[in-house]
Amino acid sequence: MNTKWLAFVLLVLTAGVVALYPSIQPCCGGGSGGEPPPPNPPPNQQPDPKITTEQKPRVEAVFVLDTTGSMSGLIQAAKEKIWSIASTMAAAQPAPEIRLGLVAYRDRGDDYVTRRVDLSKDLDSVYATLMEFQAQGGGDGPESVNQALREAVENLSWSQDPNTYRVIFLVGDAPPHMDYQDDVPWSSTLVRAKELGIHVNAVQCGSNSTTKTVWQQIAQAGNGRYFQVDQGGSALAVTTPYDKRLADLAAKLDKTRLYYGSEEEKAKKARKVEAAEKLHETASSAAQARRAAFNLSESGKANLFGEGELVEDVASGRVDLEAIPAPALPPALQSLSKEEQAAKIRETAEQRAALEAEMKRLAKEREAYLRRKVEKMDGVEESLDHSIYRAVRKQASEAGLRYEADAPAY
């Protein structure tokens, strides 16, 4: 072959290979062995926790609760059962973030018309407010249901995330006042609830026929369910031999929390700690055991630790202890050397792991005990627990959540 012609052909082939190299490199590999490049980022590149949080499905549930005098039994049941209801909601696949809110209502002329607790994943603080509610006032028939529903729909921080199951449980025994000229009627509010994708379920306490008619209409208009329970709530409040020990271990676990951040952030966490301490002082051992079971779940971590908990953040690699300035650390660590701080965190993490292991064992035994007890009880299917679970299981499927258990948490 002519030497000049051969040189020209080699030049063209070389130029073609160079031009195509960027497009063929992913197929042929960047290494000498011809293997494809790794699909994952380098191991020292931590995922952004905010992205993970945004992708996690949510359950947002608000209880609109009549707190007039006739509702004392139901309010007490709510104080006992709110944690097992949270555990029921947390049992979905994939495990959701749980945010709860409250709207307590009475009527004009009572101590208050409404009191709101905004949606929050800090369930301890929500529960601390629930513990303050007492059944008083009322006694004259209709209550301010219209205002309570309006505030629940319009004045709470519902998310806009499409992967969220949003639900209201209206719980009461008296119909709404329809003679207040400045009220927004419930029918208009439920149009707005539908626009926001909020299901509205109506739980009637007692057997008032007028209430039944309106509650059924509210459930139908709210794309929800109507169910009736007795005046005390028909909740399955069962105590177990494991409750006291679980409550004691949960209190010890709470004391392992070490919060860091700005003075404002630490003050906020101090209020969370105070709410938990109040809970341990005033709630029954059974309620504390239910809280412990919830906190052990994947969803319960947000309530147990919240944000800015040092041991959890260091262990997960979200923060580097070396990078935290001394004033931002918990007071107990500020005077220690970096080596002593790291040792304290390791010691606390080990203590926490031991507590959680024992709690999980007891929680499993407690659950088995409860299942055996409930199997022998009458009226289980008509209880508040099962009624709420049936509504949640059906409605949450629209947000991609699956509940596979046959029964709620107790």
Protein backbone atom coordinates (compact mmCIF):
# COMPACT_ATOMS: atom_id res chain seq x y z
CA MET A 1 0.00 0.00 0.00
CA ASN A 2 1.19 3.50 -0.74
CA THR A 3 2.89 4.88 2.40
CA LYS A 4 1.18 8.28 2.17
CA TRP A 5 -2.24 6.65 1.76
CA LEU A 6 -1.65 4.40 4.81
CA ALA A 7 -0.66 7.39 6.94
CA PHE A 8 -3.84 9.22 5.87
CA VAL A 9 -6.07 6.24 6.83
CA LEU A 10 -4.41 5.95 10.26
CA LEU A 11 -4.89 9.67 10.85
CA VAL A 12 -8.63 9.46 10.05
CA LEU A 13 -9.14 6.43 12.32
CA THR A 14 -7.30 8.09 15.18
CA ALA A 15 -9.38 11.26 14.87
CA GLY A 16 -12.60 9.20 14.89
CA VAL A 17 -11.63 7.34 18.04
CA VAL A 18 -10.75 10.60 19.82
CA ALA A 19 -14.06 12.20 18.78
CA LEU A 20 -16.11 9.23 19.95
CA TYR A 21 -14.20 8.63 23.19
CA PRO A 22 -16.47 10.68 25.50
CA SER A 23 -19.58 8.83 24.34
CA ILE A 24 -18.14 5.33 24.48
CA GLN A 25 -16.29 5.72 27.79
CA PRO A 26 -19.29 4.87 30.08
CA CYS A 27 -19.92 1.66 28.13
CA CYS A 28 -16.35 0.50 27.98
CA GLY A 29 -15.25 1.56 31.44
CA GLY A 30 -12.70 4.02 32.72
CA GLY A 31 -10.33 1.48 34.25
CA SER A 32 -7.76 -0.83 32.80
CA GLY A 33 -10.03 -3.84 33.35
CA GLY A 34 -12.83 -2.45 31.18
CA GLU A 35 -15.36 -2.45 34.07
CA PRO A 36 -18.14 0.16 34.19
CA PRO A 37 -17.66 3.10 36.58
CA PRO A 38 -19.31 2.79 40.01
CA PRO A 39 -22.95 3.98 39.97
CA ASN A 40 -22.84 5.37 43.53
CA PRO A 41 -21.15 8.55 44.78
CA PRO A 42 -17.88 8.26 46.69
CA PRO A 43 -18.30 6.75 50.14
CA ASN A 44 -17.31 9.98 51.90
CA GLN A 45 -20.10 11.89 50.16
CA GLN A 46 -23.01 11.92 52.62
CA PRO A 47 -26.58 12.15 51.26
CA ASP A 48 -28.40 15.35 52.05
CA PRO A 49 -30.76 14.51 54.96
CA LYS A 50 -33.20 17.15 53.75
CA ILE A 51 -33.69 15.24 50.50
CA THR A 52 -34.42 12.02 52.42
CA THR A 53 -36.95 13.83 54.62
CA GLU A 54 -38.76 15.31 51.63
CA GLN A 55 -39.08 11.91 49.97
CA LYS A 56 -40.47 10.21 53.07
CA PRO A 57 -44.28 9.81 53.03
CA ARG A 58 -46.25 11.61 55.72
CA VAL A 59 -49.35 11.07 57.78
CA GLU A 60 -50.89 14.31 59.04
CA ALA A 61 -53.79 13.75 61.43
CA VAL A 62 -55.78 16.35 63.33
CA PHE A 63 -58.26 15.52 66.06
CA VAL A 64 -61.07 18.06 66.34
CA LEU A 65 -62.29 17.29 69.83
CA ASP A 66 -65.36 18.43 71.74
CA THR A 67 -64.12 19.24 75.27
CA THR A 68 -67.44 20.10 76.92
CA GLY A 69 -68.52 18.42 80.15
CA SER A 70 -70.23 15.42 78.58
CA MET A 71 -66.99 14.36 76.85
CA SER A 72 -64.93 13.53 79.95
CA GLY A 73 -64.82 9.79 79.20
CA LEU A 74 -63.67 10.28 75.61
CA ILE A 75 -61.04 12.85 76.58
CA GLN A 76 -59.59 10.45 79.13
CA ALA A 77 -59.59 7.71 76.50
CA ALA A 78 -57.74 10.05 74.11
CA LYS A 79 -55.07 10.70 76.75
CA GLU A 80 -54.59 6.96 77.14
CA LYS A 81 -54.79 5.99 73.47
CA ILE A 82 -53.14 8.74 71.45
CA TRP A 83 -49.80 6.89 71.43
CA SER A 84 -51.27 3.61 70.22
CA ILE A 85 -53.14 5.53 67.52
CA ALA A 86 -49.80 7.04 66.47
CA SER A 87 -48.27 3.54 66.43
CA THR A 88 -51.15 2.33 64.29
CA MET A 89 -50.50 5.11 61.78
CA ALA A 90 -46.76 4.42 61.87
CA ALA A 91 -47.22 0.75 60.92
CA ALA A 92 -47.51 1.57 57.21
CA GLN A 93 -45.08 0.58 54.50
CA PRO A 94 -43.04 2.57 53.76
CA ALA A 95 -42.71 3.94 57.32
CA PRO A 96 -44.16 7.47 57.28
CA GLU A 97 -43.36 10.62 59.18
CA ILE A 98 -46.18 11.21 61.68
CA ARG A 99 -47.48 14.73 62.39
CA LEU A 100 -50.39 15.25 64.76
CA GLY A 101 -52.47 18.31 65.63
CA LEU A 102 -55.41 19.16 67.87
CA VAL A 103 -58.34 21.54 67.82
CA ALA A 104 -60.31 21.54 71.05
CA TYR A 105 -63.70 23.22 70.92
CA ARG A 106 -66.58 24.19 73.16
CA ASP A 107 -69.04 27.00 72.50
CA ARG A 108 -69.46 30.72 72.79
CA GLY A 109 -69.86 31.70 76.41
CA ASP A 110 -67.56 28.92 77.67
CA ASP A 111 -63.96 29.45 78.84
CA TYR A 112 -62.87 29.20 75.24
CA VAL A 113 -64.42 28.52 71.86
CA THR A 114 -61.38 26.80 70.31
CA ARG A 115 -57.80 25.98 71.24
CA ARG A 116 -55.36 24.84 68.56
CA VAL A 117 -52.20 22.79 68.61
CA ASP A 118 -50.50 22.95 65.23
CA LEU A 119 -49.40 19.88 63.30
CA SER A 120 -46.06 18.67 64.60
CA LYS A 121 -43.85 15.59 64.61
CA ASP A 122 -42.95 16.50 68.20
CA LEU A 123 -45.74 14.38 69.61
CA ASP A 124 -44.51 14.84 73.18
CA SER A 125 -45.41 18.52 73.02
CA VAL A 126 -48.77 17.77 71.41
CA TYR A 127 -49.47 15.22 74.14
CA ALA A 128 -48.47 17.65 76.90
CA THR A 129 -51.19 20.02 75.69
CA LEU A 130 -53.72 17.21 75.40
CA MET A 131 -53.07 16.37 79.05
CA GLU A 132 -54.19 19.89 79.98
CA PHE A 133 -57.60 19.51 78.35
CA GLN A 134 -60.44 18.99 80.80
CA ALA A 135 -64.12 18.39 80.05
CA GLN A 136 -66.06 21.47 81.17
CA GLY A 137 -68.81 23.77 79.96
CA GLY A 138 -71.46 22.97 77.41
CA GLY A 139 -74.73 21.46 78.54
CA ASP A 140 -76.90 23.49 76.19
CA GLY A 141 -76.96 21.36 73.06
CA PRO A 142 -75.20 22.57 69.89
CA GLU A 143 -71.49 23.49 70.01
CA SER A 144 -69.09 25.52 67.86
CA VAL A 145 -68.38 22.68 65.44
CA ASN A 146 -68.36 24.99 62.42
CA GLN A 147 -65.60 27.19 63.80
CA ALA A 148 -63.53 24.22 64.96
CA LEU A 149 -63.64 22.54 61.55
CA ARG A 150 -62.84 25.80 59.79
CA GLU A 151 -59.77 26.38 61.94
CA ALA A 152 -58.61 22.79 61.49
CA VAL A 153 -58.71 23.12 57.72
CA GLU A 154 -57.52 26.71 57.29
CA ASN A 155 -55.28 27.53 60.26
CA LEU A 156 -52.97 24.55 60.63
CA SER A 157 -49.75 23.93 58.71
CA TRP A 158 -50.86 21.17 56.33
CA SER A 159 -48.09 20.17 53.93
CA GLN A 160 -48.36 20.44 50.18
CA ASP A 161 -46.47 17.21 49.55
CA PRO A 162 -48.51 14.85 47.34
CA ASN A 163 -47.13 11.84 49.27
CA THR A 164 -49.11 12.83 52.36
CA TYR A 165 -52.19 11.29 53.88
CA ARG A 166 -54.13 14.19 55.43
CA VAL A 167 -57.00 13.39 57.75
CA ILE A 168 -59.28 15.00 60.33
CA PHE A 169 -61.18 13.09 62.97
CA LEU A 170 -64.12 15.13 64.24
CA VAL A 171 -65.06 13.72 67.64
CA GLY A 172 -68.12 14.96 69.51
CA ASP A 173 -71.61 14.29 70.79
CA ALA A 174 -73.56 17.45 69.90
CA PRO A 175 -74.50 18.99 66.54
CA PRO A 176 -73.12 22.32 65.31
CA HIS A 177 -74.69 25.71 65.92
CA MET A 178 -76.18 26.78 62.62
CA ASP A 179 -77.58 30.07 63.93
CA TYR A 180 -74.33 32.03 64.26
CA GLN A 181 -74.45 34.55 61.44
CA ASP A 182 -70.66 35.05 61.29
CA ASP A 183 -69.88 31.32 61.14
CA VAL A 184 -68.64 29.55 58.02
CA PRO A 185 -70.92 26.50 57.69
CA TRP A 186 -69.27 23.09 57.75
CA SER A 187 -70.44 22.37 54.19
CA SER A 188 -68.30 25.24 52.83
CA THR A 189 -65.33 24.17 54.92
CA LEU A 190 -65.49 20.64 53.56
CA VAL A 191 -65.37 21.96 50.00
CA ARG A 192 -62.07 23.56 50.96
CA ALA A 193 -60.91 20.35 52.70
CA LYS A 194 -61.52 18.41 49.50
CA GLU A 195 -59.43 20.93 47.53
CA LEU A 196 -56.57 20.37 50.00
CA GLY A 197 -56.92 16.59 49.86
CA ILE A 198 -58.00 16.27 53.51
CA HIS A 199 -60.27 13.39 54.50
CA VAL A 200 -62.76 14.27 57.24
CA ASN A 201 -64.04 11.41 59.40
CA ALA A 202 -66.85 11.93 61.90
CA VAL A 203 -66.82 10.04 65.21
CA GLN A 204 -70.06 10.34 67.16
CA CYS A 205 -69.98 9.77 70.91
CA GLY A 206 -73.32 8.66 72.30
CA SER A 207 -76.59 8.29 70.43
CA ASN A 208 -78.03 11.76 69.82
CA SER A 209 -80.10 11.36 66.65
CA THR A 210 -79.57 14.94 65.46
CA THR A 211 -75.81 14.56 65.84
CA LYS A 212 -75.93 11.29 63.94
CA THR A 213 -77.63 12.88 60.93
CA VAL A 214 -75.16 15.77 60.72
CA TRP A 215 -72.11 13.61 61.43
CA GLN A 216 -73.08 11.25 58.61
CA GLN A 217 -73.46 14.21 56.26
CA ILE A 218 -70.07 15.57 57.31
CA ALA A 219 -68.37 12.21 56.71
CA GLN A 220 -69.96 11.86 53.29
CA ALA A 221 -69.05 15.41 52.23
CA GLY A 222 -65.55 15.01 53.69
CA ASN A 223 -64.72 11.84 51.73
CA GLY A 224 -64.48 10.12 55.10
CA ARG A 225 -66.20 7.62 57.36
CA TYR A 226 -68.85 7.93 60.03
CA PHE A 227 -68.70 5.72 63.09
CA GLN A 228 -70.37 5.74 66.45
CA VAL A 229 -68.86 4.90 69.83
CA ASP A 230 -70.30 5.01 73.31
CA GLN A 231 -69.98 8.13 75.44
CA GLY A 232 -66.72 6.91 76.94
CA GLY A 233 -65.12 6.33 73.55
CA SER A 234 -65.17 2.51 73.35
CA ALA A 235 -61.37 2.44 73.41
CA LEU A 236 -59.49 -0.76 74.23
CA ALA A 237 -57.39 0.55 77.13
CA VAL A 238 -55.68 -2.62 78.36
CA THR A 239 -52.88 -2.55 80.94
CA THR A 240 -50.08 -5.11 80.97
CA PRO A 241 -47.43 -6.40 83.42
CA TYR A 242 -44.78 -4.81 81.18
CA ASP A 243 -46.03 -1.21 81.33
CA LYS A 244 -44.19 0.01 84.42
CA ARG A 245 -40.82 -1.39 83.35
CA LEU A 246 -41.20 0.05 79.85
CA ALA A 247 -42.15 3.44 81.31
CA ASP A 248 -39.05 3.42 83.55
CA LEU A 249 -36.74 2.45 80.69
CA ALA A 250 -38.28 5.11 78.44
CA ALA A 251 -37.56 7.76 81.08
CA LYS A 252 -33.93 6.63 81.21
CA LEU A 253 -33.71 6.66 77.42
CA ASP A 254 -35.02 10.22 77.33
CA LYS A 255 -32.17 11.28 79.63
CA THR A 256 -29.58 10.13 77.07
CA ARG A 257 -30.57 12.93 74.70
CA LEU A 258 -27.95 15.67 74.22
CA TYR A 259 -29.07 18.69 72.20
CA TYR A 260 -26.77 21.17 70.48
CA GLY A 261 -27.12 24.25 68.31
CA SER A 262 -27.75 27.95 68.78
CA GLU A 263 -29.18 29.30 72.02
CA GLU A 264 -32.58 29.57 70.34
CA GLU A 265 -32.42 25.97 69.12
CA LYS A 266 -31.35 24.68 72.52
CA ALA A 267 -34.15 26.63 74.20
CA LYS A 268 -36.65 24.99 71.86
CA LYS A 269 -35.28 21.55 72.70
CA ALA A 270 -35.40 22.39 76.40
CA ARG A 271 -39.15 22.85 76.02
CA LYS A 272 -39.36 19.44 74.35
CA VAL A 273 -37.47 17.88 77.27
CA GLU A 274 -39.82 19.60 79.71
CA ALA A 275 -42.82 18.16 77.86
CA ALA A 276 -41.38 14.64 78.18
CA GLU A 277 -40.66 15.16 81.88
CA LYS A 278 -44.22 16.34 82.41
CA LEU A 279 -45.44 13.25 80.60
CA HIS A 280 -43.47 10.95 82.89
CA GLU A 281 -44.90 12.75 85.92
CA THR A 282 -48.56 12.81 84.92
CA ALA A 283 -49.31 10.06 82.37
CA SER A 284 -50.23 6.54 83.39
CA SER A 285 -47.65 3.76 83.06
CA ALA A 286 -49.79 2.24 80.30
CA ALA A 287 -49.74 5.50 78.29
CA GLN A 288 -45.98 5.79 78.80
CA ALA A 289 -45.53 2.21 77.60
CA ARG A 290 -47.54 3.02 74.47
CA ARG A 291 -45.31 6.04 73.89
CA ALA A 292 -42.23 3.84 74.34
CA ALA A 293 -43.53 1.39 71.73
CA PHE A 294 -44.15 4.24 69.29
CA ASN A 295 -40.71 5.78 69.88
CA LEU A 296 -39.08 2.43 69.09
CA SER A 297 -40.64 2.43 65.62
CA GLU A 298 -38.93 3.94 62.58
CA SER A 299 -41.48 6.77 62.58
CA GLY A 300 -41.10 7.35 66.31
CA LYS A 301 -37.47 8.45 66.08
CA ALA A 302 -38.59 11.92 65.00
CA ASN A 303 -40.49 12.32 68.24
CA LEU A 304 -37.86 10.72 70.47
CA PHE A 305 -34.84 12.64 69.13
CA GLY A 306 -36.16 15.45 66.97
CA GLU A 307 -33.52 17.60 65.30
CA GLY A 308 -30.19 18.64 66.75
CA GLU A 309 -29.61 15.58 68.95
CA LEU A 310 -25.83 15.19 69.19
CA VAL A 311 -25.44 11.46 69.79
CA GLU A 312 -27.74 10.52 66.93
CA ASP A 313 -26.22 13.05 64.54
CA VAL A 314 -22.62 12.04 65.27
CA ALA A 315 -23.38 8.31 65.09
CA SER A 316 -25.14 8.70 61.74
CA GLY A 317 -22.33 10.81 60.28
CA ARG A 318 -24.57 13.83 59.71
CA VAL A 319 -22.24 16.06 61.71
CA ASP A 320 -18.55 16.10 62.58
CA LEU A 321 -17.99 16.62 66.30
CA GLU A 322 -14.73 18.43 65.58
CA ALA A 323 -16.57 21.06 63.54
CA ILE A 324 -19.06 22.06 66.26
CA PRO A 325 -17.98 25.18 68.18
CA ALA A 326 -17.93 24.80 71.96
CA PRO A 327 -20.81 27.27 72.65
CA ALA A 328 -23.10 25.18 70.43
CA LEU A 329 -22.45 21.97 72.36
CA PRO A 330 -24.58 20.78 75.28
CA PRO A 331 -23.38 22.45 78.52
CA ALA A 332 -22.18 19.13 79.95
CA LEU A 333 -19.66 18.77 77.09
CA GLN A 334 -18.39 22.32 76.69
CA SER A 335 -15.59 22.11 79.26
CA LEU A 336 -14.32 18.72 78.05
CA SER A 337 -11.51 18.09 75.60
CA LYS A 338 -12.40 16.77 72.14
CA GLU A 339 -11.22 13.31 73.19
CA GLU A 340 -13.38 13.43 76.32
CA GLN A 341 -16.36 14.66 74.28
CA ALA A 342 -15.99 11.79 71.82
CA ALA A 343 -15.69 9.30 74.70
CA LYS A 344 -18.84 10.71 76.34
CA ILE A 345 -20.78 10.38 73.10
CA ARG A 346 -19.61 6.78 72.62
CA GLU A 347 -20.56 5.94 76.21
CA THR A 348 -24.01 7.52 75.78
CA ALA A 349 -24.56 5.69 72.48
CA GLU A 350 -23.71 2.36 74.14
CA GLN A 351 -26.05 3.09 77.04
CA ARG A 352 -28.79 4.03 74.60
CA ALA A 353 -28.32 0.86 72.55
CA ALA A 354 -28.61 -1.30 75.68
CA LEU A 355 -31.79 0.48 76.78
CA GLU A 356 -33.36 0.18 73.34
CA ALA A 357 -32.54 -3.52 73.12
CA GLU A 358 -34.26 -4.25 76.42
CA MET A 359 -37.21 -2.04 75.51
CA LYS A 360 -37.70 -3.81 72.18
CA ARG A 361 -37.72 -7.17 73.92
CA LEU A 362 -40.29 -6.00 76.46
CA ALA A 363 -42.39 -4.25 73.79
CA LYS A 364 -42.57 -7.50 71.82
CA GLU A 365 -43.70 -9.43 74.90
CA ARG A 366 -46.19 -6.68 75.75
CA GLU A 367 -47.68 -6.81 72.24
CA ALA A 368 -48.13 -10.58 72.43
CA TYR A 369 -49.80 -10.22 75.83
CA LEU A 370 -52.18 -7.57 74.46
CA ARG A 371 -53.15 -9.70 71.46
CA ARG A 372 -54.06 -12.60 73.75
CA LYS A 373 -56.13 -10.32 75.99
CA VAL A 374 -57.96 -8.60 73.13
CA GLU A 375 -58.86 -11.94 71.51
CA LYS A 376 -60.98 -12.73 74.57
CA MET A 377 -62.82 -9.39 74.61
CA ASP A 378 -66.26 -8.64 73.14
CA GLY A 379 -67.05 -5.69 70.87
CA VAL A 380 -63.52 -5.35 69.58
CA GLU A 381 -64.53 -4.60 66.00
CA GLU A 382 -66.74 -1.72 67.16
CA SER A 383 -64.04 -0.11 69.31
CA LEU A 384 -62.53 3.30 68.64
CA ASP A 385 -59.19 1.61 67.88
CA HIS A 386 -60.54 -0.56 65.08
CA SER A 387 -62.82 2.14 63.69
CA ILE A 388 -59.91 4.54 63.28
CA TYR A 389 -57.70 1.81 61.80
CA ARG A 390 -60.25 0.86 59.14
CA ALA A 391 -60.52 4.49 58.06
CA VAL A 392 -56.76 5.02 58.02
CA ARG A 393 -55.99 1.79 56.13
CA LYS A 394 -58.42 2.59 53.32
CA GLN A 395 -57.79 6.31 52.97
CA ALA A 396 -54.00 6.24 53.29
CA SER A 397 -53.71 3.92 50.31
CA GLU A 398 -54.39 6.95 48.11
CA ALA A 399 -51.03 8.35 49.29
CA GLY A 400 -49.25 5.07 48.56
CA LEU A 401 -49.19 3.79 52.15
CA ARG A 402 -49.92 0.12 52.81
CA TYR A 403 -51.25 -1.21 56.11
CA GLU A 404 -51.02 -4.98 56.14
CA ALA A 405 -51.84 -5.76 59.80
CA ASP A 406 -55.27 -7.16 60.60
CA ALA A 407 -55.62 -5.03 63.73
CA PRO A 408 -54.37 -1.72 65.14
CA ALA A 409 -51.72 -1.23 67.80
CA TYR A 410 -53.05 -1.39 71.36
